[in-house]
Every structure is written in C-alpha cells, then in structure tokens.
Amino acid sequence: MSAALVMMLAGCGDGANDHKGEAKTPSASSVQEGRNYKEVVDEFEANGFTNVKTEKLEDLITGWITEDGEVEEVSVAGDVEYAPDEWMPEGTEVVITYHTFKEEETDEKVETEKPEEKEADHESSDQADEEAEETEVLTADNSPDLKEVLSVSSEADPLIAAFADQYAGRTIEFDAHTAYVNNHDSYDTRFDYLILVGDDTKNEPPGPYFQLRDVNYSDLNLEGNNIPDPFGIGHHIRITAVVEEYEERSNLFLINPVSIKMR
C-alpha cells in the first residue's frame, strides 16, 4: 500500500510541472479586437507571457468611432489566428497592434529663428497636413472608421449617420455591387441606384444602403473592361464616391460617384 501511495504522489508532482516555463493563450485575436490594448497586455502577462510587445497604428483623426488605444489585432508567434487555451513557451513573442493618434513632432529649429517665422512655418505645415488628410481617398485599409461603417449589420446603425456627418465632402472607395435601379421621378435617362457593400448580402453584412441619386449614364464615369450599357443590377464594382449625407427618414446614405470600375 505505501509503495503504491508513493508512486501516486510522485505522479501528481510530475503533472504539476508539466507547464513549467510555458504560458497559456487567452481569448482569440478576434475577441481581443476593440478592447483597450493595456487590458490585453495585462491579460497575456497574467497568463505567463514574458515577451509582450505593442505596435501603434497612428491612423486616428478624431477618435469618435474608433477610440484611442483600441486593439486592431493580436498575433502570437506571428499568428493572428491563434487558438485560445494553448500552452506554448513563455518567451513566445506576442504583438498587440492598436489605433492611436499621430505623435506631434518636436520643433528642432535653432533658437536664432524669429518667433514669427516659427509660427508661419508651423501654420504652413499644419495647413499642408490638413489638406493632405482631406484629399486622401478613404478605404477600409487606411480608415478604421470606414472599415467599421462598411461592416455594420443594419442600414439604420447610428455609426452611419456619425460617419456621414464627420466625413461629408470626403472621398471614399470600396468594393460593392448594384442591388437595385429605378428611374428618377418620371425621367427616362436619369436613375437612382442602390449600392451595397461586397459581392452579395448572403454571406456578409449588407452595410449601409448607399444611393446614387438622380444620375445619368455619363455621371457614373464607368471604367474597366466590358463596360455595360445600360448599367443595371448585379454588377460587381469598385466605386469611388464623395460623401454627401445620410437621410434618416429613408436610411439611405447618399454618395456622388467619382468613378466606377468594373470588377
């Protein structure tokens, strides 16, 4: 009996050391997305990881929709699709990427420069930065706000109105398809187009109900191969358009076409 007991205790002792020098992955990257990066750092370190790093995406303009410090993705050993509750060496590299504002550059000009010259230089630089931001075409790759709006599950989501107000007059670009078309009022050559995100709405959120209102064929600025005439329903397109407004009474997001490329 005593020999058997000793063997059982020895076995238990070995099990307790099975994961010595290892760390256990917490929730998957998709779950971590949207949390504050400091909370995610604490969670990985609490689970035993000793090589946790952070990377900034300095892409925020206002922080109204995507908050400062909000996690974009987490990779473990370079894998953003890592599984939760897996044991691995405690020194495995963990990289937490998060959104934030661009850091202001320090003024390294010599003190002999006149104050009014410094002020003029700053104003010119700030104006150039603002103009560059305002003319940049927004896509899901360079704008987390647009990426979030394109993935909403309801055409009445409040994020759409907030985005339209904030980015009115800005140019956006995304993959879409023509979902519906009808004549504008009683005109034969002017139309209203319903534009939805992606290739279809069966396997992905419909996103906003974009509308090109009161346009004719030439207003569409069609590009690419096999340009259809007439331009109807079911076409897969890459649309570039200017943000106009969001109509709450109709839940339509009005945009003005700059170009439409056939895909």
C-alpha atoms as a PDB file:
ATOM      1  CA  MET A   1       0.000   0.000   0.000  1.00  0.00           C
ATOM      2  CA  SER A   2       2.744   2.508   0.978  1.00  0.00           C
ATOM      3  CA  ALA A   3       4.676   1.863  -2.259  1.00  0.00           C
ATOM      4  CA  ALA A   4       1.562   2.493  -4.360  1.00  0.00           C
ATOM      5  CA  LEU A   5       0.860   5.711  -2.465  1.00  0.00           C
ATOM      6  CA  VAL A   6       4.393   6.950  -3.072  1.00  0.00           C
ATOM      7  CA  MET A   7       4.037   6.263  -6.800  1.00  0.00           C
ATOM      8  CA  MET A   8       0.699   8.147  -6.932  1.00  0.00           C
ATOM      9  CA  LEU A   9       2.177  11.175  -5.156  1.00  0.00           C
ATOM     10  CA  ALA A  10       5.178  11.165  -7.456  1.00  0.00           C
ATOM     11  CA  GLY A  11       2.874  11.124 -10.467  1.00  0.00           C
ATOM     12  CA  CYS A  12       0.919  14.108  -9.144  1.00  0.00           C
ATOM     13  CA  GLY A  13       4.123  16.020  -8.593  1.00  0.00           C
ATOM     14  CA  ASP A  14       5.228  15.435 -12.183  1.00  0.00           C
ATOM     15  CA  GLY A  15       1.847  16.697 -13.520  1.00  0.00           C
ATOM     16  CA  ALA A  16       2.162  19.931 -11.593  1.00  0.00           C
ATOM     17  CA  ASN A  17       5.371  20.739 -13.501  1.00  0.00           C
ATOM     18  CA  ASP A  18       4.027  19.830 -16.953  1.00  0.00           C
ATOM     19  CA  HIS A  19       3.709  23.501 -17.953  1.00  0.00           C
ATOM     20  CA  LYS A  20       6.707  24.976 -16.175  1.00  0.00           C
ATOM     21  CA  GLY A  21       8.224  27.666 -18.400  1.00  0.00           C
ATOM     22  CA  GLU A  22       5.077  27.852 -20.514  1.00  0.00           C
ATOM     23  CA  ALA A  23       2.225  30.341 -20.922  1.00  0.00           C
ATOM     24  CA  LYS A  24      -1.409  29.829 -21.885  1.00  0.00           C
ATOM     25  CA  THR A  25      -3.086  31.871 -24.643  1.00  0.00           C
ATOM     26  CA  PRO A  26      -6.177  33.823 -23.538  1.00  0.00           C
ATOM     27  CA  SER A  27      -9.079  34.698 -25.864  1.00  0.00           C
ATOM     28  CA  ALA A  28      -8.551  34.645 -29.640  1.00  0.00           C
ATOM     29  CA  SER A  29      -7.459  37.724 -31.621  1.00  0.00           C
ATOM     30  CA  SER A  30     -10.996  38.324 -32.916  1.00  0.00           C
ATOM     31  CA  VAL A  31     -12.219  38.590 -29.312  1.00  0.00           C
ATOM     32  CA  GLN A  32      -9.423  40.980 -28.334  1.00  0.00           C
ATOM     33  CA  GLU A  33     -10.254  43.348 -31.221  1.00  0.00           C
ATOM     34  CA  GLY A  34     -11.831  46.563 -29.950  1.00  0.00           C
ATOM     35  CA  ARG A  35     -10.539  46.244 -26.354  1.00  0.00           C
ATOM     36  CA  ASN A  36      -8.055  48.681 -24.839  1.00  0.00           C
ATOM     37  CA  TYR A  37      -4.525  47.462 -25.541  1.00  0.00           C
ATOM     38  CA  LYS A  38      -3.396  47.895 -21.907  1.00  0.00           C
ATOM     39  CA  GLU A  39      -6.038  45.406 -20.735  1.00  0.00           C
ATOM     40  CA  VAL A  40      -4.875  42.904 -23.356  1.00  0.00           C
ATOM     41  CA  VAL A  41      -1.220  43.349 -22.320  1.00  0.00           C
ATOM     42  CA  ASP A  42      -2.164  42.670 -18.689  1.00  0.00           C
ATOM     43  CA  GLU A  43      -4.129  39.559 -19.671  1.00  0.00           C
ATOM     44  CA  PHE A  44      -1.258  38.000 -21.632  1.00  0.00           C
ATOM     45  CA  GLU A  45       1.260  38.784 -18.888  1.00  0.00           C
ATOM     46  CA  ALA A  46      -1.087  37.352 -16.262  1.00  0.00           C
ATOM     47  CA  ASN A  47      -1.192  34.151 -18.328  1.00  0.00           C
ATOM     48  CA  GLY A  48       2.587  33.865 -18.156  1.00  0.00           C
ATOM     49  CA  PHE A  49       3.833  35.503 -21.378  1.00  0.00           C
ATOM     50  CA  THR A  50       7.096  37.407 -20.861  1.00  0.00           C
ATOM     51  CA  ASN A  51       7.681  38.795 -24.374  1.00  0.00           C
ATOM     52  CA  VAL A  52       4.636  41.032 -24.948  1.00  0.00           C
ATOM     53  CA  LYS A  53       5.132  43.923 -27.383  1.00  0.00           C
ATOM     54  CA  THR A  54       2.866  46.712 -28.672  1.00  0.00           C
ATOM     55  CA  GLU A  55       2.712  48.394 -32.075  1.00  0.00           C
ATOM     56  CA  LYS A  56       0.936  51.674 -32.878  1.00  0.00           C
ATOM     57  CA  LEU A  57      -1.285  52.399 -35.857  1.00  0.00           C
ATOM     58  CA  GLU A  58      -1.161  56.204 -35.898  1.00  0.00           C
ATOM     59  CA  ASP A  59      -4.287  56.471 -38.045  1.00  0.00           C
ATOM     60  CA  LEU A  60      -6.863  58.234 -35.850  1.00  0.00           C
ATOM     61  CA  ILE A  61      -8.174  61.676 -36.771  1.00  0.00           C
ATOM     62  CA  THR A  62     -10.908  62.355 -34.202  1.00  0.00           C
ATOM     63  CA  GLY A  63     -11.362  59.107 -32.262  1.00  0.00           C
ATOM     64  CA  TRP A  64     -15.148  59.447 -32.358  1.00  0.00           C
ATOM     65  CA  ILE A  65     -15.832  55.985 -33.768  1.00  0.00           C
ATOM     66  CA  THR A  66     -12.572  54.101 -33.170  1.00  0.00           C
ATOM     67  CA  GLU A  67     -11.168  55.017 -29.746  1.00  0.00           C
ATOM     68  CA  ASP A  68      -7.581  55.843 -28.866  1.00  0.00           C
ATOM     69  CA  GLY A  69      -5.852  52.638 -27.713  1.00  0.00           C
ATOM     70  CA  GLU A  70      -8.405  50.315 -29.351  1.00  0.00           C
ATOM     71  CA  VAL A  71      -6.876  46.969 -30.403  1.00  0.00           C
ATOM     72  CA  GLU A  72      -6.775  46.181 -34.148  1.00  0.00           C
ATOM     73  CA  GLU A  73      -5.271  42.681 -33.867  1.00  0.00           C
ATOM     74  CA  VAL A  74      -3.112  40.400 -31.713  1.00  0.00           C
ATOM     75  CA  SER A  75      -0.527  37.952 -33.021  1.00  0.00           C
ATOM     76  CA  VAL A  76       1.142  35.126 -31.105  1.00  0.00           C
ATOM     77  CA  ALA A  77       4.350  33.840 -32.695  1.00  0.00           C
ATOM     78  CA  GLY A  78       3.282  35.773 -35.809  1.00  0.00           C
ATOM     79  CA  ASP A  79      -0.126  34.102 -35.999  1.00  0.00           C
ATOM     80  CA  VAL A  80      -3.209  36.364 -35.764  1.00  0.00           C
ATOM     81  CA  GLU A  81      -5.472  33.312 -35.877  1.00  0.00           C
ATOM     82  CA  TYR A  82      -4.019  31.635 -32.812  1.00  0.00           C
ATOM     83  CA  ALA A  83      -6.314  29.406 -30.754  1.00  0.00           C
ATOM     84  CA  PRO A  84      -7.209  30.184 -27.104  1.00  0.00           C
ATOM     85  CA  ASP A  85      -6.148  27.982 -24.165  1.00  0.00           C
ATOM     86  CA  GLU A  86      -2.996  26.672 -25.861  1.00  0.00           C
ATOM     87  CA  TRP A  87       0.258  26.172 -23.972  1.00  0.00           C
ATOM     88  CA  MET A  88       3.488  27.479 -25.529  1.00  0.00           C
ATOM     89  CA  PRO A  89       6.907  28.724 -24.340  1.00  0.00           C
ATOM     90  CA  GLU A  90       6.579  31.745 -22.054  1.00  0.00           C
ATOM     91  CA  GLY A  91       9.046  33.707 -24.219  1.00  0.00           C
ATOM     92  CA  THR A  92       6.858  33.415 -27.341  1.00  0.00           C
ATOM     93  CA  GLU A  93       6.515  36.822 -28.978  1.00  0.00           C
ATOM     94  CA  VAL A  94       3.108  38.473 -28.587  1.00  0.00           C
ATOM     95  CA  VAL A  95       2.424  41.626 -30.647  1.00  0.00           C
ATOM     96  CA  ILE A  96      -0.607  43.790 -29.827  1.00  0.00           C
ATOM     97  CA  THR A  97      -1.421  46.334 -32.551  1.00  0.00           C
ATOM     98  CA  TYR A  98      -3.654  49.261 -31.594  1.00  0.00           C
ATOM     99  CA  HIS A  99      -5.037  52.518 -33.007  1.00  0.00           C
ATOM    100  CA  THR A 100      -3.875  55.907 -31.754  1.00  0.00           C
ATOM    101  CA  PHE A 101      -3.245  59.480 -32.830  1.00  0.00           C
ATOM    102  CA  LYS A 102      -0.098  60.570 -34.630  1.00  0.00           C
ATOM    103  CA  GLU A 103       2.510  61.942 -32.252  1.00  0.00           C
ATOM    104  CA  GLU A 104       3.383  65.600 -32.685  1.00  0.00           C
ATOM    105  CA  GLU A 105       6.895  66.170 -33.947  1.00  0.00           C
ATOM    106  CA  THR A 106       9.229  68.235 -31.727  1.00  0.00           C
ATOM    107  CA  ASP A 107      10.480  71.552 -33.023  1.00  0.00           C
ATOM    108  CA  GLU A 108      14.241  71.182 -33.515  1.00  0.00           C
ATOM    109  CA  LYS A 109      14.830  74.529 -35.221  1.00  0.00           C
ATOM    110  CA  VAL A 110      17.619  76.761 -33.866  1.00  0.00           C
ATOM    111  CA  GLU A 111      16.753  79.388 -31.294  1.00  0.00           C
ATOM    112  CA  THR A 112      18.028  82.215 -33.550  1.00  0.00           C
ATOM    113  CA  GLU A 113      14.988  81.801 -35.782  1.00  0.00           C
ATOM    114  CA  LYS A 114      12.483  84.578 -35.305  1.00  0.00           C
ATOM    115  CA  PRO A 115       9.281  83.646 -33.408  1.00  0.00           C
ATOM    116  CA  GLU A 116       7.074  84.938 -36.227  1.00  0.00           C
ATOM    117  CA  GLU A 117       8.983  82.724 -38.716  1.00  0.00           C
ATOM    118  CA  LYS A 118       8.462  79.693 -36.500  1.00  0.00           C
ATOM    119  CA  GLU A 119       4.755  80.432 -36.232  1.00  0.00           C
ATOM    120  CA  ALA A 120       4.441  80.862 -40.003  1.00  0.00           C
ATOM    121  CA  ASP A 121       6.286  77.599 -40.610  1.00  0.00           C
ATOM    122  CA  HIS A 122       4.013  75.757 -38.170  1.00  0.00           C
ATOM    123  CA  GLU A 123       0.872  77.194 -39.737  1.00  0.00           C
ATOM    124  CA  SER A 124       2.080  76.276 -43.227  1.00  0.00           C
ATOM    125  CA  SER A 125       2.973  72.741 -42.119  1.00  0.00           C
ATOM    126  CA  ASP A 126      -0.320  72.256 -40.286  1.00  0.00           C
ATOM    127  CA  GLN A 127      -2.260  73.541 -43.280  1.00  0.00           C
ATOM    128  CA  ALA A 128      -0.384  71.181 -45.614  1.00  0.00           C
ATOM    129  CA  ASP A 129      -1.089  68.223 -43.289  1.00  0.00           C
ATOM    130  CA  GLU A 130      -4.779  69.099 -43.098  1.00  0.00           C
ATOM    131  CA  GLU A 131      -5.031  69.463 -46.877  1.00  0.00           C
ATOM    132  CA  ALA A 132      -3.287  66.103 -47.400  1.00  0.00           C
ATOM    133  CA  GLU A 133      -5.680  64.399 -44.968  1.00  0.00           C
ATOM    134  CA  GLU A 134      -8.733  65.980 -46.604  1.00  0.00           C
ATOM    135  CA  THR A 135      -7.717  64.926 -50.135  1.00  0.00           C
ATOM    136  CA  GLU A 136      -6.724  61.362 -49.258  1.00  0.00           C
ATOM    137  CA  VAL A 137      -9.186  58.779 -50.555  1.00  0.00           C
ATOM    138  CA  LEU A 138     -10.539  56.790 -47.611  1.00  0.00           C
ATOM    139  CA  THR A 139     -10.560  52.984 -47.893  1.00  0.00           C
ATOM    140  CA  ALA A 140     -11.095  50.126 -45.451  1.00  0.00           C
ATOM    141  CA  ASP A 141      -7.293  49.718 -45.362  1.00  0.00           C
ATOM    142  CA  ASN A 142      -6.387  53.278 -44.312  1.00  0.00           C
ATOM    143  CA  SER A 143      -9.526  54.312 -42.397  1.00  0.00           C
ATOM    144  CA  PRO A 144     -10.738  52.237 -39.419  1.00  0.00           C
ATOM    145  CA  ASP A 145     -13.885  54.402 -39.328  1.00  0.00           C
ATOM    146  CA  LEU A 146     -14.837  53.466 -42.909  1.00  0.00           C
ATOM    147  CA  LYS A 147     -13.945  49.812 -42.277  1.00  0.00           C
ATOM    148  CA  GLU A 148     -16.311  49.770 -39.295  1.00  0.00           C
ATOM    149  CA  VAL A 149     -19.146  51.509 -41.171  1.00  0.00           C
ATOM    150  CA  LEU A 150     -18.882  49.129 -44.147  1.00  0.00           C
ATOM    151  CA  SER A 151     -19.355  46.147 -41.824  1.00  0.00           C
ATOM    152  CA  VAL A 152     -22.480  47.291 -39.922  1.00  0.00           C
ATOM    153  CA  SER A 153     -25.368  44.813 -39.940  1.00  0.00           C
ATOM    154  CA  SER A 154     -28.182  47.366 -40.235  1.00  0.00           C
ATOM    155  CA  GLU A 155     -28.807  50.232 -42.660  1.00  0.00           C
ATOM    156  CA  ALA A 156     -30.075  52.252 -39.652  1.00  0.00           C
ATOM    157  CA  ASP A 157     -26.964  51.799 -37.488  1.00  0.00           C
ATOM    158  CA  PRO A 158     -26.114  55.149 -35.757  1.00  0.00           C
ATOM    159  CA  LEU A 159     -22.489  54.782 -36.887  1.00  0.00           C
ATOM    160  CA  ILE A 160     -23.567  55.538 -40.464  1.00  0.00           C
ATOM    161  CA  ALA A 161     -25.030  58.950 -39.599  1.00  0.00           C
ATOM    162  CA  ALA A 162     -21.996  59.791 -37.458  1.00  0.00           C
ATOM    163  CA  PHE A 163     -19.633  58.842 -40.278  1.00  0.00           C
ATOM    164  CA  ALA A 164     -21.598  60.839 -42.868  1.00  0.00           C
ATOM    165  CA  ASP A 165     -21.558  63.944 -40.654  1.00  0.00           C
ATOM    166  CA  GLN A 166     -17.857  63.668 -39.888  1.00  0.00           C
ATOM    167  CA  TYR A 167     -16.663  62.884 -43.412  1.00  0.00           C
ATOM    168  CA  ALA A 168     -19.092  64.910 -45.558  1.00  0.00           C
ATOM    169  CA  GLY A 169     -17.238  66.054 -48.679  1.00  0.00           C
ATOM    170  CA  ARG A 170     -14.522  63.392 -48.325  1.00  0.00           C
ATOM    171  CA  THR A 171     -13.924  60.716 -50.962  1.00  0.00           C
ATOM    172  CA  ILE A 172     -14.373  57.018 -50.115  1.00  0.00           C
ATOM    173  CA  GLU A 173     -13.603  53.867 -52.115  1.00  0.00           C
ATOM    174  CA  PHE A 174     -14.856  50.291 -51.609  1.00  0.00           C
ATOM    175  CA  ASP A 175     -15.947  47.083 -53.370  1.00  0.00           C
ATOM    176  CA  ALA A 176     -19.678  46.870 -53.979  1.00  0.00           C
ATOM    177  CA  HIS A 177     -22.460  45.648 -56.252  1.00  0.00           C
ATOM    178  CA  THR A 178     -25.528  47.224 -57.824  1.00  0.00           C
ATOM    179  CA  ALA A 179     -28.523  45.890 -55.911  1.00  0.00           C
ATOM    180  CA  TYR A 180     -31.374  47.904 -57.443  1.00  0.00           C
ATOM    181  CA  VAL A 181     -32.051  50.627 -60.019  1.00  0.00           C
ATOM    182  CA  ASN A 182     -35.117  52.636 -60.905  1.00  0.00           C
ATOM    183  CA  ASN A 183     -35.947  55.764 -62.879  1.00  0.00           C
ATOM    184  CA  HIS A 184     -35.564  59.028 -61.021  1.00  0.00           C
ATOM    185  CA  ASP A 185     -39.044  60.549 -60.838  1.00  0.00           C
ATOM    186  CA  SER A 186     -40.510  60.438 -64.355  1.00  0.00           C
ATOM    187  CA  TYR A 187     -37.238  60.747 -66.250  1.00  0.00           C
ATOM    188  CA  ASP A 188     -36.228  58.122 -68.823  1.00  0.00           C
ATOM    189  CA  THR A 189     -32.477  58.802 -68.731  1.00  0.00           C
ATOM    190  CA  ARG A 190     -31.899  59.650 -65.059  1.00  0.00           C
ATOM    191  CA  PHE A 191     -31.766  56.962 -62.404  1.00  0.00           C
ATOM    192  CA  ASP A 192     -31.417  56.112 -58.702  1.00  0.00           C
ATOM    193  CA  TYR A 193     -29.014  53.253 -57.908  1.00  0.00           C
ATOM    194  CA  LEU A 194     -28.923  51.243 -54.666  1.00  0.00           C
ATOM    195  CA  ILE A 195     -25.292  50.247 -53.987  1.00  0.00           C
ATOM    196  CA  LEU A 196     -24.474  47.584 -51.376  1.00  0.00           C
ATOM    197  CA  VAL A 197     -21.101  46.509 -49.969  1.00  0.00           C
ATOM    198  CA  GLY A 198     -19.288  43.450 -51.366  1.00  0.00           C
ATOM    199  CA  ASP A 199     -20.461  40.956 -53.961  1.00  0.00           C
ATOM    200  CA  ASP A 200     -23.715  39.899 -52.303  1.00  0.00           C
ATOM    201  CA  THR A 201     -25.564  40.072 -48.974  1.00  0.00           C
ATOM    202  CA  LYS A 202     -25.986  36.333 -48.394  1.00  0.00           C
ATOM    203  CA  ASN A 203     -22.656  35.671 -46.708  1.00  0.00           C
ATOM    204  CA  GLU A 204     -21.731  39.130 -45.409  1.00  0.00           C
ATOM    205  CA  PRO A 205     -23.363  42.088 -43.603  1.00  0.00           C
ATOM    206  CA  PRO A 206     -25.217  44.382 -46.020  1.00  0.00           C
ATOM    207  CA  GLY A 207     -23.550  47.511 -44.644  1.00  0.00           C
ATOM    208  CA  PRO A 208     -25.112  50.922 -45.394  1.00  0.00           C
ATOM    209  CA  TYR A 209     -27.727  51.413 -48.106  1.00  0.00           C
ATOM    210  CA  PHE A 210     -25.677  53.664 -50.412  1.00  0.00           C
ATOM    211  CA  GLN A 211     -27.582  55.514 -53.114  1.00  0.00           C
ATOM    212  CA  LEU A 212     -26.501  57.289 -56.297  1.00  0.00           C
ATOM    213  CA  ARG A 213     -29.454  59.625 -56.794  1.00  0.00           C
ATOM    214  CA  ASP A 214     -30.555  61.393 -59.962  1.00  0.00           C
ATOM    215  CA  VAL A 215     -27.623  60.333 -62.171  1.00  0.00           C
ATOM    216  CA  ASN A 216     -27.411  59.569 -65.870  1.00  0.00           C
ATOM    217  CA  TYR A 217     -25.132  57.091 -67.619  1.00  0.00           C
ATOM    218  CA  SER A 218     -22.293  59.572 -68.150  1.00  0.00           C
ATOM    219  CA  ASP A 219     -22.368  60.661 -64.475  1.00  0.00           C
ATOM    220  CA  LEU A 220     -21.253  57.155 -63.452  1.00  0.00           C
ATOM    221  CA  ASN A 221     -17.765  57.561 -65.015  1.00  0.00           C
ATOM    222  CA  LEU A 222     -17.525  53.841 -65.747  1.00  0.00           C
ATOM    223  CA  GLU A 223     -14.041  52.335 -66.161  1.00  0.00           C
ATOM    224  CA  GLY A 224     -12.503  48.940 -66.911  1.00  0.00           C
ATOM    225  CA  ASN A 225     -13.240  46.130 -69.332  1.00  0.00           C
ATOM    226  CA  ASN A 226     -16.696  45.047 -70.513  1.00  0.00           C
ATOM    227  CA  ILE A 227     -18.462  48.262 -69.521  1.00  0.00           C
ATOM    228  CA  PRO A 228     -22.193  47.515 -69.682  1.00  0.00           C
ATOM    229  CA  ASP A 229     -24.750  49.694 -71.436  1.00  0.00           C
ATOM    230  CA  PRO A 230     -27.231  50.038 -69.874  1.00  0.00           C
ATOM    231  CA  PHE A 231     -25.782  49.843 -66.360  1.00  0.00           C
ATOM    232  CA  GLY A 232     -28.215  47.747 -64.336  1.00  0.00           C
ATOM    233  CA  ILE A 233     -28.479  45.302 -61.426  1.00  0.00           C
ATOM    234  CA  GLY A 234     -25.920  42.703 -60.319  1.00  0.00           C
ATOM    235  CA  HIS A 235     -22.678  44.359 -61.464  1.00  0.00           C
ATOM    236  CA  HIS A 236     -19.590  43.908 -59.259  1.00  0.00           C
ATOM    237  CA  ILE A 237     -17.797  47.235 -58.985  1.00  0.00           C
ATOM    238  CA  ARG A 238     -15.063  49.210 -57.234  1.00  0.00           C
ATOM    239  CA  ILE A 239     -16.705  52.555 -56.540  1.00  0.00           C
ATOM    240  CA  THR A 240     -15.054  55.857 -55.675  1.00  0.00           C
ATOM    241  CA  ALA A 241     -17.504  58.493 -54.485  1.00  0.00           C
ATOM    242  CA  VAL A 242     -17.875  61.669 -52.448  1.00  0.00           C
ATOM    243  CA  VAL A 243     -19.810  61.502 -49.171  1.00  0.00           C
ATOM    244  CA  GLU A 244     -22.938  63.677 -49.311  1.00  0.00           C
ATOM    245  CA  GLU A 245     -25.331  62.917 -46.447  1.00  0.00           C
ATOM    246  CA  TYR A 246     -27.290  60.270 -44.562  1.00  0.00           C
ATOM    247  CA  GLU A 247     -31.086  60.502 -44.788  1.00  0.00           C
ATOM    248  CA  GLU A 248     -32.611  59.226 -41.556  1.00  0.00           C
ATOM    249  CA  ARG A 249     -36.165  59.153 -42.969  1.00  0.00           C
ATOM    250  CA  SER A 250     -35.126  56.726 -45.743  1.00  0.00           C
ATOM    251  CA  ASN A 251     -31.981  55.181 -44.158  1.00  0.00           C
ATOM    252  CA  LEU A 252     -30.150  55.990 -47.395  1.00  0.00           C
ATOM    253  CA  PHE A 253     -26.502  57.065 -47.446  1.00  0.00           C
ATOM    254  CA  LEU A 254     -26.217  59.449 -50.401  1.00  0.00           C
ATOM    255  CA  ILE A 255     -22.918  59.478 -52.303  1.00  0.00           C
ATOM    256  CA  ASN A 256     -21.840  61.173 -55.541  1.00  0.00           C
ATOM    257  CA  PRO A 257     -19.865  58.956 -57.983  1.00  0.00           C
ATOM    258  CA  VAL A 258     -16.324  59.955 -58.942  1.00  0.00           C
ATOM    259  CA  SER A 259     -15.580  56.730 -60.830  1.00  0.00           C
ATOM    260  CA  ILE A 260     -16.935  53.183 -61.051  1.00  0.00           C
ATOM    261  CA  LYS A 261     -14.546  50.432 -62.118  1.00  0.00           C
ATOM    262  CA  MET A 262     -15.949  47.100 -63.246  1.00  0.00           C
ATOM    263  CA  ARG A 263     -14.556  44.097 -61.337  1.00  0.00           C
END
